[in-house]
Protein backbone atom coordinates (compact mmCIF):
# COMPACT_ATOMS: atom_id res chain seq x y z
CA MET A 1 -103.80 131.58 57.95
CA PHE A 2 -100.71 132.05 55.82
CA PHE A 3 -98.21 130.22 53.65
CA PRO A 4 -95.22 130.03 53.68
CA SER A 5 -94.04 130.65 57.24
CA ASP A 6 -91.83 133.56 56.13
CA ILE A 7 -94.63 135.20 54.12
CA HIS A 8 -94.00 138.50 55.91
CA ASP A 9 -90.76 138.73 53.93
CA ALA A 10 -92.51 138.07 50.59
CA THR A 11 -92.50 140.81 47.98
CA HIS A 12 -95.86 139.77 46.55
CA THR A 13 -98.70 138.22 48.54
CA ILE A 14 -102.31 137.49 47.66
CA GLY A 15 -105.03 137.60 50.30
CA PHE A 16 -108.35 135.74 50.19
CA HIS A 17 -110.70 137.37 52.70
CA PHE A 18 -113.78 135.19 53.20
CA SER A 19 -117.02 136.39 54.75
CA LYS A 20 -120.51 135.06 55.28
CA THR A 21 -122.80 135.43 52.28
CA THR A 22 -125.05 138.46 52.28
CA TYR A 23 -127.22 140.47 49.88
CA ASN A 24 -125.83 142.74 47.16
CA PHE A 25 -127.04 146.11 46.00
CA SER A 26 -127.66 146.53 42.31
CA ASP A 27 -125.49 149.04 40.47
CA THR A 28 -128.41 151.47 40.41
CA GLU A 29 -128.90 151.21 44.17
CA ARG A 30 -125.25 151.72 44.96
CA GLY A 31 -125.06 154.65 42.55
CA GLY A 32 -121.98 153.38 40.76
CA ASP A 33 -119.81 153.99 43.83
CA GLY A 34 -118.48 150.46 43.65
CA PHE A 35 -118.54 149.61 47.36
CA ASP A 36 -119.12 146.05 48.50
CA ILE A 37 -121.59 144.80 51.09
CA LEU A 38 -119.72 142.21 53.16
CA GLY A 39 -121.01 139.71 55.71
CA ASP A 40 -119.31 138.65 58.92
CA PRO A 41 -115.65 137.69 58.30
CA THR A 42 -114.84 133.98 58.51
CA ALA A 43 -111.22 133.52 57.36
CA ASP A 44 -108.24 135.48 56.06
CA ILE A 45 -105.83 133.41 53.97
CA TYR A 46 -102.52 134.82 52.73
CA ILE A 47 -100.42 133.00 50.14
CA GLY A 48 -97.10 134.24 48.84
CA SER A 49 -96.27 134.78 45.19
CA PRO A 50 -98.97 133.14 43.03
CA SER A 51 -97.50 131.83 39.80
CA ILE A 52 -100.41 132.87 37.54
CA ILE A 53 -103.11 135.54 37.79
CA ALA A 54 -105.54 135.45 34.86
CA GLU A 55 -108.40 137.94 34.31
CA SER A 56 -111.33 137.23 31.99
CA ASN A 57 -113.58 140.02 30.68
CA GLY A 58 -116.59 139.20 28.52
CA PHE A 59 -119.23 141.36 26.85
CA SER A 60 -122.61 140.34 25.46
CA TYR A 61 -123.79 141.66 22.11
CA GLN A 62 -126.96 140.81 20.23
CA THR A 63 -127.35 140.60 16.48
CA ALA A 64 -129.73 143.23 15.10
CA ASN A 65 -131.27 142.55 11.69
CA TYR A 66 -132.79 145.58 10.00
CA GLY A 67 -134.23 143.72 7.01
CA ILE A 68 -136.32 145.68 4.53
CA LEU A 69 -136.36 148.70 6.85
CA GLY A 70 -132.60 148.81 6.52
CA ASP A 71 -132.96 148.75 2.73
CA ILE A 72 -135.30 151.75 2.90
CA LEU A 73 -133.12 153.75 5.26
CA ILE A 74 -129.94 153.01 3.33
CA ALA A 75 -131.65 154.13 0.14
CA GLY A 76 -132.36 157.47 1.83
CA GLY A 77 -136.03 156.97 2.54
CA GLY A 78 -138.09 156.66 5.71
CA ALA A 79 -141.53 155.77 6.98
CA ASP A 80 -143.34 157.69 4.20
CA GLU A 81 -141.39 155.89 1.51
CA LEU A 82 -142.09 152.56 3.18
CA ALA A 83 -145.79 153.34 3.01
CA LYS A 84 -145.48 154.30 -0.67
CA LEU A 85 -143.74 151.04 -1.49
CA PHE A 86 -146.13 148.67 0.26
CA GLY A 87 -149.28 150.76 0.84
CA GLY A 88 -150.67 150.67 -2.71
CA GLU A 89 -149.83 154.25 -3.61
CA ALA A 90 -147.46 153.08 -6.35
CA SER A 91 -148.93 150.97 -9.12
CA ASN A 92 -145.60 149.38 -9.99
CA ALA A 93 -141.94 149.45 -9.04
CA SER A 94 -141.05 152.00 -11.71
CA ASN A 95 -142.98 154.86 -10.06
CA VAL A 96 -141.84 154.24 -6.48
CA ASN A 97 -140.01 157.47 -5.66
CA LEU A 98 -137.39 156.89 -3.00
CA PRO A 99 -134.85 159.64 -2.43
CA GLY A 100 -131.61 158.61 -4.01
CA SER A 101 -133.17 155.45 -5.45
CA THR A 102 -133.80 154.24 -8.97
CA PRO A 103 -136.45 151.90 -10.37
CA ALA A 104 -133.80 149.20 -10.26
CA SER A 105 -133.09 149.75 -6.54
CA ALA A 106 -136.82 149.70 -5.79
CA GLY A 107 -137.04 146.40 -7.64
CA ASN A 108 -134.14 145.07 -5.61
CA MET A 109 -135.90 146.03 -2.40
CA ILE A 110 -139.01 144.17 -3.50
CA ALA A 111 -136.88 141.16 -4.39
CA ASN A 112 -135.20 141.36 -0.99
CA LEU A 113 -138.57 141.46 0.74
CA LEU A 114 -139.77 138.40 -1.13
CA GLN A 115 -136.58 136.48 -0.52
CA ARG A 116 -136.45 137.33 3.18
CA GLY A 117 -140.06 136.28 3.57
CA GLY A 118 -139.39 132.93 1.91
CA LYS A 119 -135.86 132.39 3.13
CA GLY A 120 -134.70 128.93 2.14
CA GLY A 121 -137.84 128.34 0.09
CA ALA A 122 -138.06 127.41 -3.58
CA ALA A 123 -139.05 130.92 -4.72
CA GLY A 124 -136.20 132.59 -2.87
CA ASN A 125 -133.71 130.04 -4.16
CA MET A 126 -134.92 130.54 -7.72
CA MET A 127 -134.54 134.31 -7.44
CA SER A 128 -130.98 133.93 -6.18
CA ALA A 129 -130.17 131.36 -8.85
CA PHE A 130 -131.32 133.52 -11.78
CA SER A 131 -130.19 136.90 -10.44
CA ARG A 132 -126.88 135.49 -9.09
CA SER A 133 -127.37 137.67 -6.02
CA SER A 134 -128.79 137.51 -2.51
CA PRO A 135 -130.16 140.12 -0.11
CA ASN A 136 -127.80 142.23 1.96
CA ILE A 137 -128.83 141.05 5.42
CA ARG A 138 -128.03 144.42 7.04
CA GLU A 139 -127.03 143.16 10.47
CA GLU A 140 -124.87 144.63 13.18
CA GLN A 141 -123.87 143.88 16.76
CA LEU A 142 -125.66 145.92 19.42
CA PHE A 143 -124.22 146.02 22.93
CA SER A 144 -126.31 144.23 25.54
CA GLN A 145 -124.35 144.07 28.82
CA PRO A 146 -120.96 143.19 30.29
CA ASP A 147 -120.48 139.66 31.56
CA PHE A 148 -119.35 138.95 35.10
CA ARG A 149 -115.57 139.17 35.35
CA SER A 150 -113.72 136.09 36.50
CA PHE A 151 -110.18 135.55 37.77
CA THR A 152 -108.08 132.41 37.99
CA PHE A 153 -105.16 132.07 40.42
CA VAL A 154 -102.58 129.31 40.20
CA MET A 155 -100.50 128.90 43.34
CA GLU A 156 -97.64 126.41 43.54
CA LEU A 157 -96.96 125.62 47.16
CA VAL A 158 -93.70 123.95 48.15
CA PRO A 159 -93.43 123.61 51.95
CA LYS A 160 -89.94 123.49 53.39
CA SER A 161 -90.85 121.36 56.40
CA PRO A 162 -93.57 119.04 57.70
CA GLU A 163 -94.90 121.96 59.77
CA GLU A 164 -95.30 124.09 56.67
CA SER A 165 -96.92 121.16 54.88
CA ARG A 166 -99.51 120.88 57.64
CA ALA A 167 -100.15 124.63 57.42
CA MET A 168 -100.63 124.22 53.66
CA ASN A 169 -103.06 121.38 54.26
CA ASN A 170 -105.04 123.48 56.73
CA ILE A 171 -105.39 126.22 54.10
CA ILE A 172 -106.65 123.67 51.57
CA LYS A 173 -109.14 122.31 54.11
CA ALA A 174 -110.35 125.82 54.94
CA ILE A 175 -110.90 126.81 51.30
CA ARG A 176 -112.63 123.50 50.62
CA HIS A 177 -114.94 124.08 53.59
CA LEU A 178 -115.71 127.74 52.85
CA THR A 179 -116.52 127.18 49.18
CA HIS A 180 -119.11 124.47 49.81
CA PRO A 181 -122.70 125.24 50.86
CA ASP A 182 -124.12 124.56 54.28
CA LEU A 183 -127.57 123.08 54.97
CA THR A 184 -130.52 124.37 56.97
CA PRO A 185 -131.22 122.42 60.19
CA ASP A 186 -133.93 120.42 58.43
CA ASN A 187 -131.57 119.63 55.51
CA LEU A 188 -134.14 120.93 53.02
CA ARG A 189 -132.30 123.96 51.69
CA PHE A 190 -128.73 124.91 50.82
CA ILE A 191 -127.19 127.92 52.52
CA PHE A 192 -124.95 129.83 50.13
CA PRO A 193 -121.17 129.34 50.49
CA ASP A 194 -119.00 132.14 51.80
CA GLU A 195 -118.05 135.02 49.53
CA VAL A 196 -114.50 136.28 49.09
CA LYS A 197 -112.70 139.57 48.65
CA VAL A 198 -109.34 139.16 46.91
CA LYS A 199 -106.57 141.68 47.57
CA TYR A 200 -102.92 141.98 46.57
CA TYR A 201 -100.08 143.01 48.83
CA ALA A 202 -96.62 144.29 47.90
CA ASN A 203 -94.14 144.21 50.75
CA GLY A 204 -97.04 143.94 53.18
CA ASN A 205 -99.04 146.89 51.81
CA ASP A 206 -102.19 146.96 49.66
CA THR A 207 -101.48 147.47 45.97
CA ASP A 208 -103.57 148.19 42.87
CA ILE A 209 -100.86 147.15 40.42
CA PHE A 210 -102.94 144.07 39.62
CA PRO A 211 -106.63 144.48 38.74
CA ARG A 212 -108.96 145.39 41.56
CA ILE A 213 -111.51 142.68 42.24
CA GLY A 214 -114.98 143.24 43.65
CA LYS A 215 -116.68 140.88 46.06
CA SER A 216 -116.69 137.45 44.46
CA VAL A 217 -117.76 133.85 44.75
CA VAL A 218 -115.51 130.84 44.21
CA THR A 219 -116.69 128.94 41.13
CA ASN A 220 -113.86 126.42 40.92
CA PHE A 221 -111.22 125.04 43.28
CA ASP A 222 -108.69 122.43 42.17
CA VAL A 223 -105.84 120.85 44.11
CA SER A 224 -103.11 118.62 42.74
CA TYR A 225 -100.32 117.06 44.77
CA GLY A 226 -96.87 116.20 43.52
CA THR A 227 -94.73 117.36 40.61
CA GLU A 228 -93.08 115.64 37.66
CA SER A 229 -95.54 112.72 37.90
CA VAL A 230 -94.20 111.78 41.34
CA LEU A 231 -95.98 112.27 44.67
CA LYS A 232 -93.37 112.90 47.34
CA VAL A 233 -94.04 113.19 51.05
CA PHE A 234 -92.18 114.08 54.24
CA PRO A 235 -91.40 111.29 56.73
CA ASP A 236 -94.70 111.98 58.53
CA GLY A 237 -96.61 111.45 55.25
CA SER A 238 -97.44 115.11 54.55
CA PRO A 239 -97.01 116.20 50.88
CA VAL A 240 -93.94 118.15 49.84
CA SER A 241 -95.82 120.16 47.19
CA ALA A 242 -99.28 121.07 45.99
CA THR A 243 -100.76 123.26 43.25
CA LEU A 244 -103.91 125.23 44.03
CA THR A 245 -106.06 126.60 41.20
CA LEU A 246 -108.81 128.94 42.35
CA THR A 247 -111.35 130.65 40.08
CA VAL A 248 -113.55 133.45 41.39
CA LYS A 249 -116.33 135.42 39.71
CA GLU A 250 -117.47 138.88 40.76
CA VAL A 251 -121.02 139.01 42.08
CA GLN A 252 -121.91 142.32 40.43
CA LEU A 253 -121.56 143.70 36.92
CA ASN A 254 -119.00 146.41 36.28
CA ASN A 255 -119.14 149.70 34.42
CA ARG A 256 -116.81 152.67 34.09
CA LYS A 257 -118.11 154.14 37.36
CA THR A 258 -117.28 151.17 39.58
CA ASP A 259 -114.00 151.44 41.44
CA THR A 260 -112.84 148.11 40.00
CA ILE A 261 -112.63 149.70 36.52
CA PRO A 262 -110.49 152.79 37.15
CA TRP A 263 -109.17 155.09 34.46
CA LEU A 264 -105.44 155.68 34.09
CA ASP A 265 -105.40 158.50 36.63
CA GLY A 266 -107.31 156.41 39.15
CA GLU A 267 -110.69 157.93 38.37
CA GLY A 268 -113.64 155.83 37.24
CA THR A 269 -114.44 157.88 34.14
CA ILE A 270 -112.48 159.44 31.31
CA GLY A 271 -113.83 162.95 31.36
């Protein structure tokens, strides 16, 4: 299926290649090679010159709080010094011997410990009020994992004839059908919708100028008819324009070894 009728003359075309849902290998199982496991093909849809292609990359980080251990390490100590401070070896703060520390810094660490333990409590608030200070929380962001990449395509379709309008409508019907789930014969379980492989074509040939996209699922599909607040139709009632907005999300996480994240020379890694 294609739109418009002269798409073969288009400089830039986007292809949505749908296939039956099937299992996916994890990144460990596929060894970082980046290949996709595709089901039986169901539809190939080609649309000329999308008006917007938007890529979204997200990354998950978690907040790490080092607390009193961070105080010890920053002061130049370690596990032995931690034991000295809280294990009863020192009779008071003045004879806690932390490398690079002073009696005052040892006192600050004790104050931090007390305030962290009673965070928001009366004792902690009193200590902050009289000392005019608060503990250094010693936090940083630690990488957790990448998020699934998503892509949004906005395609403004303006058929030049009723025949092209009907072809446009068939494409909309097909995408609507393929992106909804099926049901088992007993109607008790959903069968996953079709998956999609998105490719770009320049003058009829595959191109990697735009970002490579791994096997994906459609997470959003919007259609609006008409422009400038007016819905116009051909004499047979078919619309003269429509805007398709399609959002897909890759089904597997990416890393520098997957072929969807190439380096500048086309390789997956820097070195």
